Amino acid sequence: LNSEGEEKERAIQLATEALGHVEGVIKGKAFFGGEGIGY
């Protein structure tokens, strides 16, 4: 959000990779807390 050029692109890449890890955690669940909203 606060950069331009290569720094911005690198940050987007790293954020996308991190989101991929989070995707693996939520897969098969309604919420991260299970059936209801949690921490």
PDB file of all heavy atoms in Angstrom:
ATOM      1  N   LEU A   1       0.819  -1.218   0.000  1.00  0.00           N
ATOM      2  CA  LEU A   1       0.000   0.000   0.000  1.00  0.00           C
ATOM      3  C   LEU A   1       0.848   1.261   0.000  1.00  0.00           C
ATOM      4  O   LEU A   1       0.411   2.309  -0.485  1.00  0.00           O
ATOM      5  CB  LEU A   1      -0.908   0.027   1.236  1.00  0.00           C
ATOM      6  CG  LEU A   1      -1.988  -1.040   1.381  1.00  0.00           C
ATOM      7  CD1 LEU A   1      -2.767  -0.825   2.671  1.00  0.00           C
ATOM      8  CD2 LEU A   1      -2.919  -1.053   0.195  1.00  0.00           C
ATOM      9  N   ASN A   2       2.039   1.144   0.542  1.00  0.00           N
ATOM     10  CA  ASN A   2       2.870   2.337   0.758  1.00  0.00           C
ATOM     11  C   ASN A   2       4.172   2.324  -0.033  1.00  0.00           C
ATOM     12  O   ASN A   2       5.152   2.949   0.380  1.00  0.00           O
ATOM     13  CB  ASN A   2       3.175   2.473   2.255  1.00  0.00           C
ATOM     14  CG  ASN A   2       1.930   2.731   3.086  1.00  0.00           C
ATOM     15  OD1 ASN A   2       1.416   3.837   3.119  1.00  0.00           O
ATOM     16  ND2 ASN A   2       1.424   1.696   3.751  1.00  0.00           N
ATOM     17  N   SER A   3       4.176   1.613  -1.156  1.00  0.00           N
ATOM     18  CA  SER A   3       5.390   1.556  -1.971  1.00  0.00           C
ATOM     19  C   SER A   3       5.031   1.533  -3.449  1.00  0.00           C
ATOM     20  O   SER A   3       3.859   1.434  -3.818  1.00  0.00           O
ATOM     21  CB  SER A   3       6.221   0.319  -1.602  1.00  0.00           C
ATOM     22  OG  SER A   3       5.487  -0.866  -1.840  1.00  0.00           O
ATOM     23  N   GLU A   4       6.036   1.618  -4.273  1.00  0.00           N
ATOM     24  CA  GLU A   4       5.846   1.588  -5.722  1.00  0.00           C
ATOM     25  C   GLU A   4       6.903   0.684  -6.355  1.00  0.00           C
ATOM     26  O   GLU A   4       7.859   0.276  -5.702  1.00  0.00           O
ATOM     27  CB  GLU A   4       5.960   3.009  -6.315  1.00  0.00           C
ATOM     28  CG  GLU A   4       4.921   4.001  -5.813  1.00  0.00           C
ATOM     29  CD  GLU A   4       3.507   3.668  -6.267  1.00  0.00           C
ATOM     30  OE1 GLU A   4       3.377   2.907  -7.253  1.00  0.00           O
ATOM     31  OE2 GLU A   4       2.553   4.154  -5.632  1.00  0.00           O
ATOM     32  N   GLY A   5       6.713   0.381  -7.642  1.00  0.00           N
ATOM     33  CA  GLY A   5       7.727  -0.342  -8.395  1.00  0.00           C
ATOM     34  C   GLY A   5       8.026  -1.742  -7.881  1.00  0.00           C
ATOM     35  O   GLY A   5       7.130  -2.490  -7.494  1.00  0.00           O
ATOM     36  N   GLU A   6       9.314  -2.089  -7.883  1.00  0.00           N
ATOM     37  CA  GLU A   6       9.734  -3.433  -7.509  1.00  0.00           C
ATOM     38  C   GLU A   6       9.381  -3.778  -6.066  1.00  0.00           C
ATOM     39  O   GLU A   6       9.032  -4.919  -5.757  1.00  0.00           O
ATOM     40  CB  GLU A   6      11.243  -3.594  -7.727  1.00  0.00           C
ATOM     41  CG  GLU A   6      11.658  -3.574  -9.192  1.00  0.00           C
ATOM     42  CD  GLU A   6      13.138  -3.832  -9.377  1.00  0.00           C
ATOM     43  OE1 GLU A   6      13.820  -4.132  -8.360  1.00  0.00           O
ATOM     44  OE2 GLU A   6      13.613  -3.735 -10.515  1.00  0.00           O
ATOM     45  N   GLU A   7       9.493  -2.793  -5.175  1.00  0.00           N
ATOM     46  CA  GLU A   7       9.165  -3.046  -3.775  1.00  0.00           C
ATOM     47  C   GLU A   7       7.695  -3.424  -3.631  1.00  0.00           C
ATOM     48  O   GLU A   7       7.355  -4.354  -2.884  1.00  0.00           O
ATOM     49  CB  GLU A   7       9.471  -1.812  -2.922  1.00  0.00           C
ATOM     50  CG  GLU A   7       9.246  -2.044  -1.425  1.00  0.00           C
ATOM     51  CD  GLU A   7       9.519  -0.811  -0.585  1.00  0.00           C
ATOM     52  OE1 GLU A   7       9.744   0.272  -1.164  1.00  0.00           O
ATOM     53  OE2 GLU A   7       9.493  -0.943   0.666  1.00  0.00           O
ATOM     54  N   LYS A   8       6.836  -2.738  -4.348  1.00  0.00           N
ATOM     55  CA  LYS A   8       5.404  -3.025  -4.309  1.00  0.00           C
ATOM     56  C   LYS A   8       5.114  -4.412  -4.859  1.00  0.00           C
ATOM     57  O   LYS A   8       4.365  -5.196  -4.253  1.00  0.00           O
ATOM     58  CB  LYS A   8       4.641  -1.969  -5.119  1.00  0.00           C
ATOM     59  CG  LYS A   8       3.122  -2.097  -5.060  1.00  0.00           C
ATOM     60  CD  LYS A   8       2.464  -1.073  -5.972  1.00  0.00           C
ATOM     61  CE  LYS A   8       0.958  -1.052  -5.848  1.00  0.00           C
ATOM     62  NZ  LYS A   8       0.493  -0.365  -4.647  1.00  0.00           N
ATOM     63  N   GLU A   9       5.721  -4.740  -6.003  1.00  0.00           N
ATOM     64  CA  GLU A   9       5.499  -6.043  -6.629  1.00  0.00           C
ATOM     65  C   GLU A   9       5.984  -7.177  -5.738  1.00  0.00           C
ATOM     66  O   GLU A   9       5.342  -8.228  -5.650  1.00  0.00           O
ATOM     67  CB  GLU A   9       6.196  -6.094  -7.989  1.00  0.00           C
ATOM     68  CG  GLU A   9       5.584  -5.183  -9.038  1.00  0.00           C
ATOM     69  CD  GLU A   9       4.103  -5.465  -9.251  1.00  0.00           C
ATOM     70  OE1 GLU A   9       3.726  -6.652  -9.347  1.00  0.00           O
ATOM     71  OE2 GLU A   9       3.322  -4.492  -9.305  1.00  0.00           O
ATOM     72  N   ARG A  10       7.114  -6.977  -5.093  1.00  0.00           N
ATOM     73  CA  ARG A  10       7.659  -8.001  -4.199  1.00  0.00           C
ATOM     74  C   ARG A  10       6.728  -8.210  -3.001  1.00  0.00           C
ATOM     75  O   ARG A  10       6.463  -9.343  -2.588  1.00  0.00           O
ATOM     76  CB  ARG A  10       9.049  -7.573  -3.712  1.00  0.00           C
ATOM     77  CG  ARG A  10       9.690  -8.515  -2.698  1.00  0.00           C
ATOM     78  CD  ARG A  10       9.882  -9.904  -3.243  1.00  0.00           C
ATOM     79  NE  ARG A  10      10.621 -10.746  -2.296  1.00  0.00           N
ATOM     80  CZ  ARG A  10      10.662 -12.068  -2.372  1.00  0.00           C
ATOM     81  NH1 ARG A  10      10.031 -12.717  -3.356  1.00  0.00           N
ATOM     82  NH2 ARG A  10      11.348 -12.763  -1.484  1.00  0.00           N
ATOM     83  N   ALA A  11       6.223  -7.114  -2.460  1.00  0.00           N
ATOM     84  CA  ALA A  11       5.313  -7.204  -1.318  1.00  0.00           C
ATOM     85  C   ALA A  11       4.021  -7.918  -1.709  1.00  0.00           C
ATOM     86  O   ALA A  11       3.487  -8.734  -0.948  1.00  0.00           O
ATOM     87  CB  ALA A  11       5.002  -5.816  -0.778  1.00  0.00           C
ATOM     88  N   ILE A  12       3.499  -7.633  -2.903  1.00  0.00           N
ATOM     89  CA  ILE A  12       2.294  -8.300  -3.397  1.00  0.00           C
ATOM     90  C   ILE A  12       2.537  -9.798  -3.534  1.00  0.00           C
ATOM     91  O   ILE A  12       1.689 -10.624  -3.150  1.00  0.00           O
ATOM     92  CB  ILE A  12       1.847  -7.688  -4.736  1.00  0.00           C
ATOM     93  CG1 ILE A  12       1.317  -6.263  -4.522  1.00  0.00           C
ATOM     94  CG2 ILE A  12       0.803  -8.562  -5.424  1.00  0.00           C
ATOM     95  CD1 ILE A  12       1.005  -5.523  -5.807  1.00  0.00           C
ATOM     96  N   GLN A  13       3.703 -10.153  -4.052  1.00  0.00           N
ATOM     97  CA  GLN A  13       4.052 -11.569  -4.205  1.00  0.00           C
ATOM     98  C   GLN A  13       4.092 -12.276  -2.850  1.00  0.00           C
ATOM     99  O   GLN A  13       3.540 -13.370  -2.688  1.00  0.00           O
ATOM    100  CB  GLN A  13       5.404 -11.706  -4.898  1.00  0.00           C
ATOM    101  CG  GLN A  13       5.863 -13.151  -5.070  1.00  0.00           C
ATOM    102  CD  GLN A  13       7.280 -13.268  -5.633  1.00  0.00           C
ATOM    103  OE1 GLN A  13       7.830 -12.287  -6.146  1.00  0.00           O
ATOM    104  NE2 GLN A  13       7.872 -14.441  -5.522  1.00  0.00           N
ATOM    105  N   LEU A  14       4.746 -11.658  -1.880  1.00  0.00           N
ATOM    106  CA  LEU A  14       4.865 -12.263  -0.552  1.00  0.00           C
ATOM    107  C   LEU A  14       3.507 -12.355   0.141  1.00  0.00           C
ATOM    108  O   LEU A  14       3.207 -13.342   0.821  1.00  0.00           O
ATOM    109  CB  LEU A  14       5.845 -11.455   0.300  1.00  0.00           C
ATOM    110  CG  LEU A  14       7.312 -11.523  -0.135  1.00  0.00           C
ATOM    111  CD1 LEU A  14       8.159 -10.555   0.693  1.00  0.00           C
ATOM    112  CD2 LEU A  14       7.853 -12.938  -0.007  1.00  0.00           C
ATOM    113  N   ALA A  15       2.673 -11.326  -0.028  1.00  0.00           N
ATOM    114  CA  ALA A  15       1.335 -11.343   0.570  1.00  0.00           C
ATOM    115  C   ALA A  15       0.482 -12.441  -0.050  1.00  0.00           C
ATOM    116  O   ALA A  15      -0.265 -13.140   0.648  1.00  0.00           O
ATOM    117  CB  ALA A  15       0.666  -9.981   0.394  1.00  0.00           C
ATOM    118  N   THR A  16       0.610 -12.610  -1.366  1.00  0.00           N
ATOM    119  CA  THR A  16      -0.144 -13.649  -2.062  1.00  0.00           C
ATOM    120  C   THR A  16       0.283 -15.031  -1.588  1.00  0.00           C
ATOM    121  O   THR A  16      -0.549 -15.924  -1.391  1.00  0.00           O
ATOM    122  CB  THR A  16       0.042 -13.525  -3.583  1.00  0.00           C
ATOM    123  OG1 THR A  16      -0.342 -12.214  -4.007  1.00  0.00           O
ATOM    124  CG2 THR A  16      -0.800 -14.549  -4.324  1.00  0.00           C
ATOM    125  N   GLU A  17       1.585 -15.225  -1.390  1.00  0.00           N
ATOM    126  CA  GLU A  17       2.090 -16.498  -0.876  1.00  0.00           C
ATOM    127  C   GLU A  17       1.552 -16.769   0.525  1.00  0.00           C
ATOM    128  O   GLU A  17       1.159 -17.897   0.846  1.00  0.00           O
ATOM    129  CB  GLU A  17       3.619 -16.490  -0.868  1.00  0.00           C
ATOM    130  CG  GLU A  17       4.238 -16.520  -2.255  1.00  0.00           C
ATOM    131  CD  GLU A  17       5.752 -16.370  -2.217  1.00  0.00           C
ATOM    132  OE1 GLU A  17       6.317 -16.256  -1.093  1.00  0.00           O
ATOM    133  OE2 GLU A  17       6.381 -16.352  -3.295  1.00  0.00           O
ATOM    134  N   ALA A  18       1.529 -15.749   1.355  1.00  0.00           N
ATOM    135  CA  ALA A  18       1.015 -15.899   2.720  1.00  0.00           C
ATOM    136  C   ALA A  18      -0.474 -16.235   2.697  1.00  0.00           C
ATOM    137  O   ALA A  18      -0.947 -17.074   3.481  1.00  0.00           O
ATOM    138  CB  ALA A  18       1.261 -14.611   3.515  1.00  0.00           C
ATOM    139  N   LEU A  19      -1.210 -15.607   1.788  1.00  0.00           N
ATOM    140  CA  LEU A  19      -2.636 -15.897   1.674  1.00  0.00           C
ATOM    141  C   LEU A  19      -2.865 -17.345   1.254  1.00  0.00           C
ATOM    142  O   LEU A  19      -3.827 -17.990   1.691  1.00  0.00           O
ATOM    143  CB  LEU A  19      -3.283 -14.943   0.667  1.00  0.00           C
ATOM    144  CG  LEU A  19      -4.816 -14.935   0.613  1.00  0.00           C
ATOM    145  CD1 LEU A  19      -5.423 -14.602   1.962  1.00  0.00           C
ATOM    146  CD2 LEU A  19      -5.296 -13.927  -0.434  1.00  0.00           C
ATOM    147  N   GLY A  20      -1.945 -17.867   0.455  1.00  0.00           N
ATOM    148  CA  GLY A  20      -2.025 -19.267   0.069  1.00  0.00           C
ATOM    149  C   GLY A  20      -1.885 -20.195   1.262  1.00  0.00           C
ATOM    150  O   GLY A  20      -2.574 -21.221   1.341  1.00  0.00           O
ATOM    151  N   HIS A  21      -1.022 -19.846   2.211  1.00  0.00           N
ATOM    152  CA  HIS A  21      -0.871 -20.648   3.422  1.00  0.00           C
ATOM    153  C   HIS A  21      -2.152 -20.597   4.262  1.00  0.00           C
ATOM    154  O   HIS A  21      -2.590 -21.615   4.809  1.00  0.00           O
ATOM    155  CB  HIS A  21       0.309 -20.149   4.244  1.00  0.00           C
ATOM    156  CG  HIS A  21       1.642 -20.370   3.589  1.00  0.00           C
ATOM    157  ND1 HIS A  21       2.060 -21.604   3.159  1.00  0.00           N
ATOM    158  CD2 HIS A  21       2.648 -19.505   3.300  1.00  0.00           C
ATOM    159  CE1 HIS A  21       3.277 -21.509   2.626  1.00  0.00           C
ATOM    160  NE2 HIS A  21       3.651 -20.237   2.691  1.00  0.00           N
ATOM    161  N   VAL A  22      -2.736 -19.414   4.359  1.00  0.00           N
ATOM    162  CA  VAL A  22      -3.978 -19.255   5.121  1.00  0.00           C
ATOM    163  C   VAL A  22      -5.111 -20.034   4.446  1.00  0.00           C
ATOM    164  O   VAL A  22      -5.970 -20.614   5.118  1.00  0.00           O
ATOM    165  CB  VAL A  22      -4.346 -17.765   5.255  1.00  0.00           C
ATOM    166  CG1 VAL A  22      -5.682 -17.599   5.972  1.00  0.00           C
ATOM    167  CG2 VAL A  22      -3.247 -17.016   6.015  1.00  0.00           C
ATOM    168  N   GLU A  23      -5.106 -20.071   3.119  1.00  0.00           N
ATOM    169  CA  GLU A  23      -6.095 -20.850   2.366  1.00  0.00           C
ATOM    170  C   GLU A  23      -6.083 -22.312   2.801  1.00  0.00           C
ATOM    171  O   GLU A  23      -7.129 -22.945   2.952  1.00  0.00           O
ATOM    172  CB  GLU A  23      -5.783 -20.743   0.861  1.00  0.00           C
ATOM    173  CG  GLU A  23      -6.540 -21.702  -0.040  1.00  0.00           C
ATOM    174  CD  GLU A  23      -7.923 -21.222  -0.424  1.00  0.00           C
ATOM    175  OE1 GLU A  23      -8.325 -20.130   0.005  1.00  0.00           O
ATOM    176  OE2 GLU A  23      -8.615 -21.948  -1.171  1.00  0.00           O
ATOM    177  N   GLY A  24      -4.893 -22.845   3.029  1.00  0.00           N
ATOM    178  CA  GLY A  24      -4.778 -24.229   3.461  1.00  0.00           C
ATOM    179  C   GLY A  24      -5.383 -24.479   4.831  1.00  0.00           C
ATOM    180  O   GLY A  24      -5.885 -25.571   5.111  1.00  0.00           O
ATOM    181  N   VAL A  25      -5.352 -23.464   5.685  1.00  0.00           N
ATOM    182  CA  VAL A  25      -5.887 -23.601   7.048  1.00  0.00           C
ATOM    183  C   VAL A  25      -7.412 -23.620   7.046  1.00  0.00           C
ATOM    184  O   VAL A  25      -8.040 -24.380   7.792  1.00  0.00           O
ATOM    185  CB  VAL A  25      -5.373 -22.459   7.953  1.00  0.00           C
ATOM    186  CG1 VAL A  25      -5.964 -22.574   9.348  1.00  0.00           C
ATOM    187  CG2 VAL A  25      -3.856 -22.479   8.028  1.00  0.00           C
ATOM    188  N   ILE A  26      -8.029 -22.791   6.209  1.00  0.00           N
ATOM    189  CA  ILE A  26      -9.488 -22.668   6.212  1.00  0.00           C
ATOM    190  C   ILE A  26     -10.167 -23.733   5.356  1.00  0.00           C
ATOM    191  O   ILE A  26     -11.361 -23.991   5.515  1.00  0.00           O
ATOM    192  CB  ILE A  26      -9.918 -21.251   5.744  1.00  0.00           C
ATOM    193  CG1 ILE A  26     -11.411 -21.002   6.012  1.00  0.00           C
ATOM    194  CG2 ILE A  26      -9.590 -21.051   4.270  1.00  0.00           C
ATOM    195  CD1 ILE A  26     -11.821 -21.082   7.452  1.00  0.00           C
ATOM    196  N   LYS A  27      -9.434 -24.372   4.479  1.00  0.00           N
ATOM    197  CA  LYS A  27     -10.023 -25.345   3.563  1.00  0.00           C
ATOM    198  C   LYS A  27     -10.781 -26.433   4.331  1.00  0.00           C
ATOM    199  O   LYS A  27     -10.257 -27.037   5.251  1.00  0.00           O
ATOM    200  CB  LYS A  27      -8.935 -25.983   2.697  1.00  0.00           C
ATOM    201  CG  LYS A  27      -9.459 -26.807   1.520  1.00  0.00           C
ATOM    202  CD  LYS A  27      -8.307 -27.264   0.627  1.00  0.00           C
ATOM    203  CE  LYS A  27      -7.669 -26.078  -0.082  1.00  0.00           C
ATOM    204  NZ  LYS A  27      -6.595 -26.509  -1.027  1.00  0.00           N
ATOM    205  N   GLY A  28     -12.028 -26.659   3.949  1.00  0.00           N
ATOM    206  CA  GLY A  28     -12.844 -27.686   4.579  1.00  0.00           C
ATOM    207  C   GLY A  28     -13.561 -27.244   5.838  1.00  0.00           C
ATOM    208  O   GLY A  28     -14.256 -28.041   6.474  1.00  0.00           O
ATOM    209  N   LYS A  29     -13.409 -25.967   6.208  1.00  0.00           N
ATOM    210  CA  LYS A  29     -14.042 -25.451   7.418  1.00  0.00           C
ATOM    211  C   LYS A  29     -15.007 -24.319   7.074  1.00  0.00           C
ATOM    212  O   LYS A  29     -14.819 -23.610   6.076  1.00  0.00           O
ATOM    213  CB  LYS A  29     -13.001 -24.899   8.397  1.00  0.00           C
ATOM    214  CG  LYS A  29     -11.952 -25.900   8.846  1.00  0.00           C
ATOM    215  CD  LYS A  29     -10.947 -25.193   9.753  1.00  0.00           C
ATOM    216  CE  LYS A  29      -9.815 -26.106  10.173  1.00  0.00           C
ATOM    217  NZ  LYS A  29      -8.806 -25.386  10.996  1.00  0.00           N
ATOM    218  N   ALA A  30     -16.004 -24.135   7.920  1.00  0.00           N
ATOM    219  CA  ALA A  30     -16.901 -22.987   7.757  1.00  0.00           C
ATOM    220  C   ALA A  30     -16.199 -21.718   8.229  1.00  0.00           C
ATOM    221  O   ALA A  30     -16.242 -20.681   7.565  1.00  0.00           O
ATOM    222  CB  ALA A  30     -18.193 -23.202   8.535  1.00  0.00           C
ATOM    223  N   PHE A  31     -15.559 -21.811   9.395  1.00  0.00           N
ATOM    224  CA  PHE A  31     -14.809 -20.696   9.970  1.00  0.00           C
ATOM    225  C   PHE A  31     -13.492 -21.223  10.520  1.00  0.00           C
ATOM    226  O   PHE A  31     -13.341 -22.423  10.761  1.00  0.00           O
ATOM    227  CB  PHE A  31     -15.613 -20.026  11.099  1.00  0.00           C
ATOM    228  CG  PHE A  31     -16.876 -19.358  10.645  1.00  0.00           C
ATOM    229  CD1 PHE A  31     -18.109 -19.983  10.811  1.00  0.00           C
ATOM    230  CD2 PHE A  31     -16.851 -18.116  10.035  1.00  0.00           C
ATOM    231  CE1 PHE A  31     -19.278 -19.387  10.393  1.00  0.00           C
ATOM    232  CE2 PHE A  31     -18.023 -17.499   9.601  1.00  0.00           C
ATOM    233  CZ  PHE A  31     -19.241 -18.135   9.778  1.00  0.00           C
ATOM    234  N   PHE A  32     -12.563 -20.321  10.760  1.00  0.00           N
ATOM    235  CA  PHE A  32     -11.303 -20.730  11.370  1.00  0.00           C
ATOM    236  C   PHE A  32     -11.551 -21.299  12.761  1.00  0.00           C
ATOM    237  O   PHE A  32     -10.807 -22.159  13.223  1.00  0.00           O
ATOM    238  CB  PHE A  32     -10.332 -19.550  11.452  1.00  0.00           C
ATOM    239  CG  PHE A  32      -9.788 -19.118  10.125  1.00  0.00           C
ATOM    240  CD1 PHE A  32     -10.350 -18.055   9.437  1.00  0.00           C
ATOM    241  CD2 PHE A  32      -8.709 -19.773   9.555  1.00  0.00           C
ATOM    242  CE1 PHE A  32      -9.855 -17.652   8.206  1.00  0.00           C
ATOM    243  CE2 PHE A  32      -8.198 -19.376   8.326  1.00  0.00           C
ATOM    244  CZ  PHE A  32      -8.775 -18.320   7.643  1.00  0.00           C
ATOM    245  N   GLY A  33     -12.604 -20.803  13.412  1.00  0.00           N
ATOM    246  CA  GLY A  33     -12.952 -21.289  14.738  1.00  0.00           C
ATOM    247  C   GLY A  33     -13.777 -22.563  14.713  1.00  0.00           C
ATOM    248  O   GLY A  33     -14.238 -23.015  15.759  1.00  0.00           O
ATOM    249  N   GLY A  34     -13.997 -23.131  13.530  1.00  0.00           N
ATOM    250  CA  GLY A  34     -14.803 -24.341  13.408  1.00  0.00           C
ATOM    251  C   GLY A  34     -16.148 -24.011  12.799  1.00  0.00           C
ATOM    252  O   GLY A  34     -16.240 -23.484  11.695  1.00  0.00           O
ATOM    253  N   GLU A  35     -17.217 -24.295  13.545  1.00  0.00           N
ATOM    254  CA  GLU A  35     -18.562 -24.016  13.044  1.00  0.00           C
ATOM    255  C   GLU A  35     -18.999 -22.583  13.356  1.00  0.00           C
ATOM    256  O   GLU A  35     -20.002 -22.116  12.822  1.00  0.00           O
ATOM    257  CB  GLU A  35     -19.557 -25.016  13.648  1.00  0.00           C
ATOM    258  CG  GLU A  35     -19.357 -26.436  13.157  1.00  0.00           C
ATOM    259  CD  GLU A  35     -19.427 -26.545  11.641  1.00  0.00           C
ATOM    260  OE1 GLU A  35     -20.380 -25.997  11.050  1.00  0.00           O
ATOM    261  OE2 GLU A  35     -18.514 -27.159  11.047  1.00  0.00           O
ATOM    262  N   GLY A  36     -18.283 -21.929  14.250  1.00  0.00           N
ATOM    263  CA  GLY A  36     -18.623 -20.558  14.609  1.00  0.00           C
ATOM    264  C   GLY A  36     -17.402 -19.659  14.563  1.00  0.00           C
ATOM    265  O   GLY A  36     -16.264 -20.127  14.483  1.00  0.00           O
ATOM    266  N   ILE A  37     -17.641 -18.361  14.617  1.00  0.00           N
ATOM    267  CA  ILE A  37     -16.552 -17.386  14.573  1.00  0.00           C
ATOM    268  C   ILE A  37     -15.722 -17.460  15.845  1.00  0.00           C
ATOM    269  O   ILE A  37     -16.260 -17.514  16.953  1.00  0.00           O
ATOM    270  CB  ILE A  37     -17.117 -15.966  14.389  1.00  0.00           C
ATOM    271  CG1 ILE A  37     -17.660 -15.811  12.963  1.00  0.00           C
ATOM    272  CG2 ILE A  37     -16.059 -14.900  14.663  1.00  0.00           C
ATOM    273  CD1 ILE A  37     -18.301 -14.467  12.702  1.00  0.00           C
ATOM    274  N   GLY A  38     -14.409 -17.459  15.678  1.00  0.00           N
ATOM    275  CA  GLY A  38     -13.505 -17.502  16.815  1.00  0.00           C
ATOM    276  C   GLY A  38     -12.399 -16.467  16.691  1.00  0.00           C
ATOM    277  O   GLY A  38     -12.449 -15.562  15.841  1.00  0.00           O
ATOM    278  N   TYR A  39     -11.408 -16.619  17.522  1.00  0.00           N
ATOM    279  CA  TYR A  39     -10.287 -15.680  17.613  1.00  0.00           C
ATOM    280  C   TYR A  39      -9.630 -15.430  16.253  1.00  0.00           C
ATOM    281  O   TYR A  39      -9.423 -14.281  15.848  1.00  0.00           O
ATOM    282  CB  TYR A  39      -9.277 -16.262  18.606  1.00  0.00           C
ATOM    283  CG  TYR A  39      -7.957 -15.543  18.715  1.00  0.00           C
ATOM    284  CD1 TYR A  39      -7.818 -14.404  19.502  1.00  0.00           C
ATOM    285  CD2 TYR A  39      -6.819 -16.032  18.060  1.00  0.00           C
ATOM    286  CE1 TYR A  39      -6.593 -13.768  19.626  1.00  0.00           C
ATOM    287  CE2 TYR A  39      -5.596 -15.396  18.171  1.00  0.00           C
ATOM    288  CZ  TYR A  39      -5.480 -14.263  18.960  1.00  0.00           C
ATOM    289  OH  TYR A  39      -4.276 -13.641  19.071  1.00  0.00           O
TER     290      TYR A  39
END
